[in-house]
Amino acid sequence: MAKFKRGQSGNPAGKPRGARSRFTKMREKLEADLPDLLDATKQAALDGDMTAMRLLLERTLPPQKATAATVNIPALEKASGLTEKADVVLAAVGRGELP
């Protein structure tokens, strides 16, 4: 039970194909000045502007996602079924071997 006919837009007076957003237009205008803007931001950061420094660092070096440490539980390989494996993991948690 389709609401619109196939191939017919639900908003025929909407944005035409290929129309650029205002953000795309802004980016295109700034593109020629981008190296100078980056140099000015870098210089401001080097001069002690913490906002400029934070901006540069957050955009160029995003924080790394935490990775889990590899855990070795020898008894886990000896366990035959899922229930036994769950018991081994829970026992390791109980002993403080796993967080």
C-alpha atoms as a PDB file:
ATOM      1  CA  MET A   1       0.000   0.000   0.000  1.00  0.00           C
ATOM      2  CA  ALA A   2       2.215   2.790  -1.336  1.00  0.00           C
ATOM      3  CA  LYS A   3       1.581   6.370  -0.364  1.00  0.00           C
ATOM      4  CA  PHE A   4       3.143   7.855  -3.524  1.00  0.00           C
ATOM      5  CA  LYS A   5       3.179   6.619  -7.084  1.00  0.00           C
ATOM      6  CA  ARG A   6       6.398   4.933  -8.118  1.00  0.00           C
ATOM      7  CA  GLY A   7       8.818   7.422  -9.710  1.00  0.00           C
ATOM      8  CA  GLN A   8       6.862  10.442  -8.529  1.00  0.00           C
ATOM      9  CA  SER A   9       8.279  12.704  -5.838  1.00  0.00           C
ATOM     10  CA  GLY A  10       6.325  13.376  -2.683  1.00  0.00           C
ATOM     11  CA  ASN A  11       7.551  16.969  -2.882  1.00  0.00           C
ATOM     12  CA  PRO A  12       7.673  17.985  -6.554  1.00  0.00           C
ATOM     13  CA  ALA A  13       8.452  21.630  -5.641  1.00  0.00           C
ATOM     14  CA  GLY A  14      11.409  20.569  -3.457  1.00  0.00           C
ATOM     15  CA  LYS A  15      15.112  21.200  -3.903  1.00  0.00           C
ATOM     16  CA  PRO A  16      16.215  20.461  -7.487  1.00  0.00           C
ATOM     17  CA  ARG A  17      18.823  17.784  -8.222  1.00  0.00           C
ATOM     18  CA  GLY A  18      22.390  19.042  -8.025  1.00  0.00           C
ATOM     19  CA  ALA A  19      21.534  22.026  -5.851  1.00  0.00           C
ATOM     20  CA  ARG A  20      24.350  22.807  -3.404  1.00  0.00           C
ATOM     21  CA  SER A  21      23.747  23.456   0.255  1.00  0.00           C
ATOM     22  CA  ARG A  22      24.790  26.700   1.896  1.00  0.00           C
ATOM     23  CA  PHE A  23      27.577  24.824   3.700  1.00  0.00           C
ATOM     24  CA  THR A  24      28.982  23.540   0.414  1.00  0.00           C
ATOM     25  CA  LYS A  25      28.912  27.065  -0.957  1.00  0.00           C
ATOM     26  CA  MET A  26      30.738  28.340   2.151  1.00  0.00           C
ATOM     27  CA  ARG A  27      33.385  25.637   1.840  1.00  0.00           C
ATOM     28  CA  GLU A  28      33.940  26.547  -1.797  1.00  0.00           C
ATOM     29  CA  LYS A  29      34.416  30.220  -0.889  1.00  0.00           C
ATOM     30  CA  LEU A  30      36.914  29.370   1.880  1.00  0.00           C
ATOM     31  CA  GLU A  31      38.835  26.804  -0.145  1.00  0.00           C
ATOM     32  CA  ALA A  32      41.224  29.322  -1.719  1.00  0.00           C
ATOM     33  CA  ASP A  33      42.037  30.883   1.675  1.00  0.00           C
ATOM     34  CA  LEU A  34      42.300  27.594   3.563  1.00  0.00           C
ATOM     35  CA  PRO A  35      46.119  27.418   3.720  1.00  0.00           C
ATOM     36  CA  ASP A  36      46.291  30.971   5.103  1.00  0.00           C
ATOM     37  CA  LEU A  37      43.513  30.242   7.620  1.00  0.00           C
ATOM     38  CA  LEU A  38      45.301  27.113   8.809  1.00  0.00           C
ATOM     39  CA  ASP A  39      48.583  29.004   9.134  1.00  0.00           C
ATOM     40  CA  ALA A  40      46.884  31.767  11.123  1.00  0.00           C
ATOM     41  CA  THR A  41      45.201  29.228  13.420  1.00  0.00           C
ATOM     42  CA  LYS A  42      48.490  27.402  13.894  1.00  0.00           C
ATOM     43  CA  GLN A  43      50.300  30.641  14.691  1.00  0.00           C
ATOM     44  CA  ALA A  44      47.594  31.623  17.185  1.00  0.00           C
ATOM     45  CA  ALA A  45      47.981  28.232  18.871  1.00  0.00           C
ATOM     46  CA  LEU A  46      51.758  28.627  19.003  1.00  0.00           C
ATOM     47  CA  ASP A  47      51.286  32.089  20.515  1.00  0.00           C
ATOM     48  CA  GLY A  48      49.284  30.561  23.367  1.00  0.00           C
ATOM     49  CA  ASP A  49      45.673  30.781  22.162  1.00  0.00           C
ATOM     50  CA  MET A  50      44.262  27.691  23.851  1.00  0.00           C
ATOM     51  CA  THR A  51      41.055  27.765  21.796  1.00  0.00           C
ATOM     52  CA  ALA A  52      43.045  27.636  18.561  1.00  0.00           C
ATOM     53  CA  MET A  53      45.254  24.902  19.995  1.00  0.00           C
ATOM     54  CA  ARG A  54      42.274  22.827  21.070  1.00  0.00           C
ATOM     55  CA  LEU A  55      40.629  23.277  17.681  1.00  0.00           C
ATOM     56  CA  LEU A  56      43.725  22.150  15.807  1.00  0.00           C
ATOM     57  CA  LEU A  57      44.387  19.185  18.055  1.00  0.00           C
ATOM     58  CA  GLU A  58      40.783  17.961  18.094  1.00  0.00           C
ATOM     59  CA  ARG A  59      40.472  18.183  14.314  1.00  0.00           C
ATOM     60  CA  THR A  60      43.838  16.732  13.376  1.00  0.00           C
ATOM     61  CA  LEU A  61      44.457  14.248  16.208  1.00  0.00           C
ATOM     62  CA  PRO A  62      41.101  12.878  17.367  1.00  0.00           C
ATOM     63  CA  PRO A  63      41.182  10.897  20.608  1.00  0.00           C
ATOM     64  CA  GLN A  64      41.914   7.221  20.210  1.00  0.00           C
ATOM     65  CA  LYS A  65      39.243   4.761  21.120  1.00  0.00           C
ATOM     66  CA  ALA A  66      40.001   2.518  24.038  1.00  0.00           C
ATOM     67  CA  THR A  67      40.917  -1.037  23.158  1.00  0.00           C
ATOM     68  CA  ALA A  68      40.423  -4.017  25.389  1.00  0.00           C
ATOM     69  CA  ALA A  69      43.489  -5.803  26.641  1.00  0.00           C
ATOM     70  CA  THR A  70      43.979  -9.401  25.548  1.00  0.00           C
ATOM     71  CA  VAL A  71      43.026 -11.805  28.286  1.00  0.00           C
ATOM     72  CA  ASN A  72      44.456 -15.293  28.566  1.00  0.00           C
ATOM     73  CA  ILE A  73      42.422 -17.801  30.575  1.00  0.00           C
ATOM     74  CA  PRO A  74      43.935 -21.273  30.083  1.00  0.00           C
ATOM     75  CA  ALA A  75      40.934 -23.035  31.636  1.00  0.00           C
ATOM     76  CA  LEU A  76      38.686 -21.517  28.973  1.00  0.00           C
ATOM     77  CA  GLU A  77      40.248 -23.673  26.251  1.00  0.00           C
ATOM     78  CA  LYS A  78      39.675 -26.823  28.305  1.00  0.00           C
ATOM     79  CA  ALA A  79      35.987 -26.076  28.906  1.00  0.00           C
ATOM     80  CA  SER A  80      33.809 -28.059  26.520  1.00  0.00           C
ATOM     81  CA  GLY A  81      30.413 -26.385  26.507  1.00  0.00           C
ATOM     82  CA  LEU A  82      29.099 -22.842  26.729  1.00  0.00           C
ATOM     83  CA  THR A  83      27.932 -23.381  30.285  1.00  0.00           C
ATOM     84  CA  GLU A  84      31.392 -24.500  31.386  1.00  0.00           C
ATOM     85  CA  LYS A  85      33.002 -21.581  29.545  1.00  0.00           C
ATOM     86  CA  ALA A  86      30.611 -19.137  31.229  1.00  0.00           C
ATOM     87  CA  ASP A  87      31.493 -20.673  34.600  1.00  0.00           C
ATOM     88  CA  VAL A  88      35.227 -20.246  33.880  1.00  0.00           C
ATOM     89  CA  VAL A  89      34.735 -16.588  32.896  1.00  0.00           C
ATOM     90  CA  LEU A  90      32.582 -15.844  35.948  1.00  0.00           C
ATOM     91  CA  ALA A  91      35.133 -17.549  38.206  1.00  0.00           C
ATOM     92  CA  ALA A  92      37.903 -15.385  36.679  1.00  0.00           C
ATOM     93  CA  VAL A  93      35.793 -12.266  37.322  1.00  0.00           C
ATOM     94  CA  GLY A  94      35.209 -13.418  40.893  1.00  0.00           C
ATOM     95  CA  ARG A  95      38.970 -13.842  41.445  1.00  0.00           C
ATOM     96  CA  GLY A  96      39.602 -10.355  40.027  1.00  0.00           C
ATOM     97  CA  GLU A  97      41.443 -11.595  36.922  1.00  0.00           C
ATOM     98  CA  LEU A  98      38.921  -9.899  34.626  1.00  0.00           C
ATOM     99  CA  PRO A  99      37.383  -6.458  35.032  1.00  0.00           C
END
